[in-house]
Amino acid sequence: MFVPVFIHLLVNHQSTNIPGIVFVGLAITDMLDGFIARLFKMKTQLGAFLDAFADKLLILSSYLVLTCLTKVPVWFFTVIVGRDIIVFLGWVLILILTGSSAVRPGFLGKISIVFEMATLCILLFEMNSLINTFFYLTTLMTVVSIIDYIIKGSKRIVPVA
């Protein structure tokens, strides 16, 4: 819901500190929402889907804008988007072949998202000495999570005997 406001701030501010503060606020409320849902046993499939969708919308739109503003290299944006395309196509394939649409984010996928968000924070708060390191760390975690999803997805399609 606040993604358009965040993107507006990102595009229209000389400094990225204000969008950075808004981004951190969005990330904190996202974590609190998930924590509260688990704590009070209010977790639902719809809630989990909407939470993941909102995360992806925030992350992908942020990286798209930052790539257009030449603050993020195109190769990095391609890796982030490529991972999501591979995961989505894998989900569609599993749905077609098994009839099951159950999706459970893996630990490595969650770690990959944490790295993506940390890299966004580093970019938004202009921590220039860390930017390249986090581009490479996030790329590594993203590739590792892609491999993990492919292995786990393959086992759902062709169960190991």
C-alpha atoms as a PDB file:
ATOM      1  CA  MET A   1       0.000   0.000   0.000  1.00  0.00           C
ATOM      2  CA  PHE A   2       2.867   2.389   0.768  1.00  0.00           C
ATOM      3  CA  VAL A   3       5.036   1.221  -2.133  1.00  0.00           C
ATOM      4  CA  PRO A   4       3.857   4.021  -4.480  1.00  0.00           C
ATOM      5  CA  VAL A   5       4.611   6.620  -1.777  1.00  0.00           C
ATOM      6  CA  PHE A   6       8.068   5.133  -1.271  1.00  0.00           C
ATOM      7  CA  ILE A   7       8.762   5.085  -5.026  1.00  0.00           C
ATOM      8  CA  HIS A   8       7.576   8.696  -5.326  1.00  0.00           C
ATOM      9  CA  LEU A   9      10.006   9.715  -2.573  1.00  0.00           C
ATOM     10  CA  LEU A  10      12.793   7.716  -4.196  1.00  0.00           C
ATOM     11  CA  VAL A  11      12.312   9.362  -7.588  1.00  0.00           C
ATOM     12  CA  ASN A  12      11.721  12.912  -6.353  1.00  0.00           C
ATOM     13  CA  HIS A  13      14.336  13.416  -3.624  1.00  0.00           C
ATOM     14  CA  GLN A  14      17.932  14.460  -4.239  1.00  0.00           C
ATOM     15  CA  SER A  15      19.018  12.541  -1.153  1.00  0.00           C
ATOM     16  CA  THR A  16      17.932   8.978  -0.593  1.00  0.00           C
ATOM     17  CA  ASN A  17      17.908   9.365   3.216  1.00  0.00           C
ATOM     18  CA  ILE A  18      14.172  10.142   3.439  1.00  0.00           C
ATOM     19  CA  PRO A  19      13.231   7.211   1.187  1.00  0.00           C
ATOM     20  CA  GLY A  20      15.706   5.157   3.240  1.00  0.00           C
ATOM     21  CA  ILE A  21      13.903   5.982   6.471  1.00  0.00           C
ATOM     22  CA  VAL A  22      10.541   5.129   4.859  1.00  0.00           C
ATOM     23  CA  PHE A  23      12.003   1.849   3.542  1.00  0.00           C
ATOM     24  CA  VAL A  24      13.299   0.880   7.001  1.00  0.00           C
ATOM     25  CA  GLY A  25       9.873   1.721   8.445  1.00  0.00           C
ATOM     26  CA  LEU A  26       8.188  -0.487   5.847  1.00  0.00           C
ATOM     27  CA  ALA A  27      10.636  -3.329   6.539  1.00  0.00           C
ATOM     28  CA  ILE A  28      10.091  -3.084  10.315  1.00  0.00           C
ATOM     29  CA  THR A  29       6.296  -3.074  10.013  1.00  0.00           C
ATOM     30  CA  ASP A  30       6.545  -6.044   7.631  1.00  0.00           C
ATOM     31  CA  MET A  31       8.595  -8.006  10.186  1.00  0.00           C
ATOM     32  CA  LEU A  32       6.257  -7.030  13.041  1.00  0.00           C
ATOM     33  CA  ASP A  33       3.210  -8.068  11.024  1.00  0.00           C
ATOM     34  CA  GLY A  34       4.668 -11.539  10.428  1.00  0.00           C
ATOM     35  CA  PHE A  35       5.807 -11.864  14.040  1.00  0.00           C
ATOM     36  CA  ILE A  36       2.390 -10.886  15.410  1.00  0.00           C
ATOM     37  CA  ALA A  37       0.614 -13.280  13.022  1.00  0.00           C
ATOM     38  CA  ARG A  38       2.813 -16.170  14.202  1.00  0.00           C
ATOM     39  CA  LEU A  39       2.661 -15.166  17.880  1.00  0.00           C
ATOM     40  CA  PHE A  40      -1.128 -15.075  17.974  1.00  0.00           C
ATOM     41  CA  LYS A  41      -1.530 -18.017  15.580  1.00  0.00           C
ATOM     42  CA  MET A  42      -3.256 -15.792  13.015  1.00  0.00           C
ATOM     43  CA  LYS A  43      -1.104 -16.951  10.111  1.00  0.00           C
ATOM     44  CA  THR A  44      -3.062 -17.795   6.949  1.00  0.00           C
ATOM     45  CA  GLN A  45      -2.129 -18.887   3.433  1.00  0.00           C
ATOM     46  CA  LEU A  46      -3.615 -15.690   2.041  1.00  0.00           C
ATOM     47  CA  GLY A  47      -1.687 -13.578   4.542  1.00  0.00           C
ATOM     48  CA  ALA A  48       1.559 -15.381   3.726  1.00  0.00           C
ATOM     49  CA  PHE A  49       0.943 -14.907  -0.004  1.00  0.00           C
ATOM     50  CA  LEU A  50       0.077 -11.210   0.348  1.00  0.00           C
ATOM     51  CA  ASP A  51       3.093 -10.622   2.595  1.00  0.00           C
ATOM     52  CA  ALA A  52       5.449 -12.252   0.092  1.00  0.00           C
ATOM     53  CA  PHE A  53       3.790 -10.352  -2.772  1.00  0.00           C
ATOM     54  CA  ALA A  54       4.169  -7.021  -0.951  1.00  0.00           C
ATOM     55  CA  ASP A  55       7.837  -7.791  -0.228  1.00  0.00           C
ATOM     56  CA  LYS A  56       8.491  -8.593  -3.885  1.00  0.00           C
ATOM     57  CA  LEU A  57       6.626  -5.500  -5.059  1.00  0.00           C
ATOM     58  CA  LEU A  58       8.679  -3.280  -2.747  1.00  0.00           C
ATOM     59  CA  ILE A  59      12.008  -4.910  -3.580  1.00  0.00           C
ATOM     60  CA  LEU A  60      11.564  -5.192  -7.348  1.00  0.00           C
ATOM     61  CA  SER A  61      10.115  -1.706  -7.789  1.00  0.00           C
ATOM     62  CA  SER A  62      12.919  -0.247  -5.652  1.00  0.00           C
ATOM     63  CA  TYR A  63      15.618  -1.995  -7.654  1.00  0.00           C
ATOM     64  CA  LEU A  64      13.921  -1.041 -10.927  1.00  0.00           C
ATOM     65  CA  VAL A  65      13.885   2.652  -9.990  1.00  0.00           C
ATOM     66  CA  LEU A  66      17.456   2.546  -8.661  1.00  0.00           C
ATOM     67  CA  THR A  67      18.591   0.799 -11.849  1.00  0.00           C
ATOM     68  CA  CYS A  68      16.891   3.476 -13.960  1.00  0.00           C
ATOM     69  CA  LEU A  69      18.619   6.121 -11.809  1.00  0.00           C
ATOM     70  CA  THR A  70      21.929   4.258 -12.511  1.00  0.00           C
ATOM     71  CA  LYS A  71      22.530   3.551  -8.811  1.00  0.00           C
ATOM     72  CA  VAL A  72      22.239  -0.203  -9.393  1.00  0.00           C
ATOM     73  CA  PRO A  73      24.041  -2.053 -12.186  1.00  0.00           C
ATOM     74  CA  VAL A  74      21.785  -3.703 -14.758  1.00  0.00           C
ATOM     75  CA  TRP A  75      23.490  -7.089 -14.173  1.00  0.00           C
ATOM     76  CA  PHE A  76      22.492  -6.989 -10.496  1.00  0.00           C
ATOM     77  CA  PHE A  77      18.877  -6.088 -11.271  1.00  0.00           C
ATOM     78  CA  THR A  78      18.821  -8.913 -13.831  1.00  0.00           C
ATOM     79  CA  VAL A  79      19.979 -11.426 -11.187  1.00  0.00           C
ATOM     80  CA  ILE A  80      17.272 -10.318  -8.731  1.00  0.00           C
ATOM     81  CA  VAL A  81      14.500 -10.390 -11.353  1.00  0.00           C
ATOM     82  CA  GLY A  82      15.859 -13.605 -12.877  1.00  0.00           C
ATOM     83  CA  ARG A  83      15.607 -15.393  -9.532  1.00  0.00           C
ATOM     84  CA  ASP A  84      11.987 -14.369  -9.142  1.00  0.00           C
ATOM     85  CA  ILE A  85      11.151 -15.442 -12.686  1.00  0.00           C
ATOM     86  CA  ILE A  86      12.796 -18.841 -12.130  1.00  0.00           C
ATOM     87  CA  VAL A  87      10.953 -19.340  -8.817  1.00  0.00           C
ATOM     88  CA  PHE A  88       7.629 -18.325 -10.399  1.00  0.00           C
ATOM     89  CA  LEU A  89       8.086 -20.582 -13.439  1.00  0.00           C
ATOM     90  CA  GLY A  90       9.091 -23.436 -11.131  1.00  0.00           C
ATOM     91  CA  TRP A  91       5.928 -22.897  -9.103  1.00  0.00           C
ATOM     92  CA  VAL A  92       3.822 -22.956 -12.301  1.00  0.00           C
ATOM     93  CA  LEU A  93       5.559 -26.157 -13.461  1.00  0.00           C
ATOM     94  CA  ILE A  94       4.977 -27.854 -10.097  1.00  0.00           C
ATOM     95  CA  LEU A  95       1.332 -26.738 -10.155  1.00  0.00           C
ATOM     96  CA  ILE A  96       0.836 -28.149 -13.670  1.00  0.00           C
ATOM     97  CA  LEU A  97       2.626 -31.448 -13.003  1.00  0.00           C
ATOM     98  CA  THR A  98       1.453 -32.187  -9.458  1.00  0.00           C
ATOM     99  CA  GLY A  99      -1.702 -30.130  -9.009  1.00  0.00           C
ATOM    100  CA  SER A 100      -0.264 -28.702  -5.799  1.00  0.00           C
ATOM    101  CA  SER A 101       0.128 -24.967  -5.391  1.00  0.00           C
ATOM    102  CA  ALA A 102       1.555 -25.118  -1.874  1.00  0.00           C
ATOM    103  CA  VAL A 103       4.583 -22.856  -1.632  1.00  0.00           C
ATOM    104  CA  ARG A 104       6.884 -22.750   1.359  1.00  0.00           C
ATOM    105  CA  PRO A 105       9.715 -20.257   1.210  1.00  0.00           C
ATOM    106  CA  GLY A 106      12.984 -21.957   2.027  1.00  0.00           C
ATOM    107  CA  PHE A 107      15.530 -20.727   4.551  1.00  0.00           C
ATOM    108  CA  LEU A 108      18.011 -19.764   1.820  1.00  0.00           C
ATOM    109  CA  GLY A 109      15.289 -17.867  -0.031  1.00  0.00           C
ATOM    110  CA  LYS A 110      14.502 -15.906   3.131  1.00  0.00           C
ATOM    111  CA  ILE A 111      18.205 -15.163   3.650  1.00  0.00           C
ATOM    112  CA  SER A 112      18.398 -13.992   0.033  1.00  0.00           C
ATOM    113  CA  ILE A 113      15.528 -11.547   0.690  1.00  0.00           C
ATOM    114  CA  VAL A 114      17.305 -10.264   3.819  1.00  0.00           C
ATOM    115  CA  PHE A 115      20.410  -9.597   1.708  1.00  0.00           C
ATOM    116  CA  GLU A 116      18.305  -7.870  -0.958  1.00  0.00           C
ATOM    117  CA  MET A 117      16.771  -5.598   1.689  1.00  0.00           C
ATOM    118  CA  ALA A 118      20.131  -4.948   3.364  1.00  0.00           C
ATOM    119  CA  THR A 119      21.599  -3.975  -0.008  1.00  0.00           C
ATOM    120  CA  LEU A 120      18.694  -1.586  -0.552  1.00  0.00           C
ATOM    121  CA  CYS A 121      19.361   0.007   2.853  1.00  0.00           C
ATOM    122  CA  ILE A 122      23.044   0.391   2.011  1.00  0.00           C
ATOM    123  CA  LEU A 123      22.116   2.029  -1.301  1.00  0.00           C
ATOM    124  CA  LEU A 124      19.477   4.300   0.215  1.00  0.00           C
ATOM    125  CA  PHE A 125      21.725   5.479   3.037  1.00  0.00           C
ATOM    126  CA  GLU A 126      24.603   5.887   0.571  1.00  0.00           C
ATOM    127  CA  MET A 127      27.087   3.678   2.439  1.00  0.00           C
ATOM    128  CA  ASN A 128      29.346   3.741  -0.598  1.00  0.00           C
ATOM    129  CA  SER A 129      32.176   1.692   0.922  1.00  0.00           C
ATOM    130  CA  LEU A 130      29.822  -1.291   1.352  1.00  0.00           C
ATOM    131  CA  ILE A 131      27.808  -1.141  -1.859  1.00  0.00           C
ATOM    132  CA  ASN A 132      29.968  -3.328  -4.113  1.00  0.00           C
ATOM    133  CA  THR A 133      30.538  -5.895  -1.359  1.00  0.00           C
ATOM    134  CA  PHE A 134      26.796  -6.225  -0.844  1.00  0.00           C
ATOM    135  CA  PHE A 135      26.102  -6.423  -4.577  1.00  0.00           C
ATOM    136  CA  TYR A 136      28.361  -9.489  -4.709  1.00  0.00           C
ATOM    137  CA  LEU A 137      27.159 -11.040  -1.417  1.00  0.00           C
ATOM    138  CA  THR A 138      23.534 -10.610  -2.447  1.00  0.00           C
ATOM    139  CA  THR A 139      24.257 -12.056  -5.879  1.00  0.00           C
ATOM    140  CA  LEU A 140      25.929 -15.076  -4.255  1.00  0.00           C
ATOM    141  CA  MET A 141      22.989 -15.644  -1.886  1.00  0.00           C
ATOM    142  CA  THR A 142      20.518 -15.173  -4.732  1.00  0.00           C
ATOM    143  CA  VAL A 143      22.268 -17.768  -6.908  1.00  0.00           C
ATOM    144  CA  VAL A 144      22.519 -20.191  -3.961  1.00  0.00           C
ATOM    145  CA  SER A 145      18.795 -19.758  -3.269  1.00  0.00           C
ATOM    146  CA  ILE A 146      17.988 -20.370  -6.963  1.00  0.00           C
ATOM    147  CA  ILE A 147      19.945 -23.636  -6.834  1.00  0.00           C
ATOM    148  CA  ASP A 148      18.167 -24.591  -3.591  1.00  0.00           C
ATOM    149  CA  TYR A 149      14.733 -23.891  -5.100  1.00  0.00           C
ATOM    150  CA  ILE A 150      15.582 -25.898  -8.230  1.00  0.00           C
ATOM    151  CA  ILE A 151      16.743 -28.886  -6.149  1.00  0.00           C
ATOM    152  CA  LYS A 152      13.687 -28.776  -3.870  1.00  0.00           C
ATOM    153  CA  GLY A 153      11.307 -28.209  -6.798  1.00  0.00           C
ATOM    154  CA  SER A 154      12.819 -31.129  -8.720  1.00  0.00           C
ATOM    155  CA  LYS A 155      12.173 -33.414  -5.746  1.00  0.00           C
ATOM    156  CA  ARG A 156       8.513 -32.356  -5.703  1.00  0.00           C
ATOM    157  CA  ILE A 157       8.173 -33.221  -9.384  1.00  0.00           C
ATOM    158  CA  VAL A 158      10.196 -36.455  -9.278  1.00  0.00           C
ATOM    159  CA  PRO A 159      10.081 -37.852  -5.722  1.00  0.00           C
ATOM    160  CA  VAL A 160      13.248 -39.635  -4.597  1.00  0.00           C
ATOM    161  CA  ALA A 161      12.596 -43.361  -4.085  1.00  0.00           C
END
